[in-house]
């Protein structure tokens, strides 16, 4: 039986496999309630990732997808990583993504254009601190984890992809599948030396020593 933890649980239906006891957290009780109503078998908990209501070594896998980059400081990210490490079992795996500060579009959105984007509603959510590849590896190690791979992911033009995805909900399935294949083809840019400029997220896979 697997016991994964997901931070920033989504309200959409999640594919929960047999033998998986999935726990999802979010700081917003309304999000937690909606996620629980849409996903039978999901243990949804309202919690701050910097202070988790779980015992040590509760989970064998933790996935945190662009959750920690909504905090105000790198210190908050470090505190959250310390908690994720605490609840991860020895030999367990952490998969973490954060906004990639080296991507020019992310840098513009999070920096010079953030005020404008908030006023016109393009960025209605909290944008916080983030870490580059070296910074995230250092933070992961400081939390007692061993990074085994660090890369950049999501290379498609995100703003355009989101806009087109809205239209794709109303077309035939064959077109939807073709659109998804097109989006997937952009991920070949991960193999290029320029991946840190095109990837929207820094991604790290780390393990907790079983020693």
Foldseek 3Di string as FASTA:
>chain_A
DFEEEEEPDALAEDPADPPYQYEYEYQDPVRQVSNCVRYPRYHYDNDDLLDDPDAFQQGQEYEYEQPQQLDADVVSVLSSLLSVNRNHHAFGKYKYKHFQCQAVVSVCCLPVCVVVCCVVVVDVGRGHDDDHQVRVQVSNVVSQKHWDDKFFDQQDPVVVLVVVVVVVVPDDPVVVVVSVVVSVVRRVCRPPPCRSHRGRIMIIMIGHHND
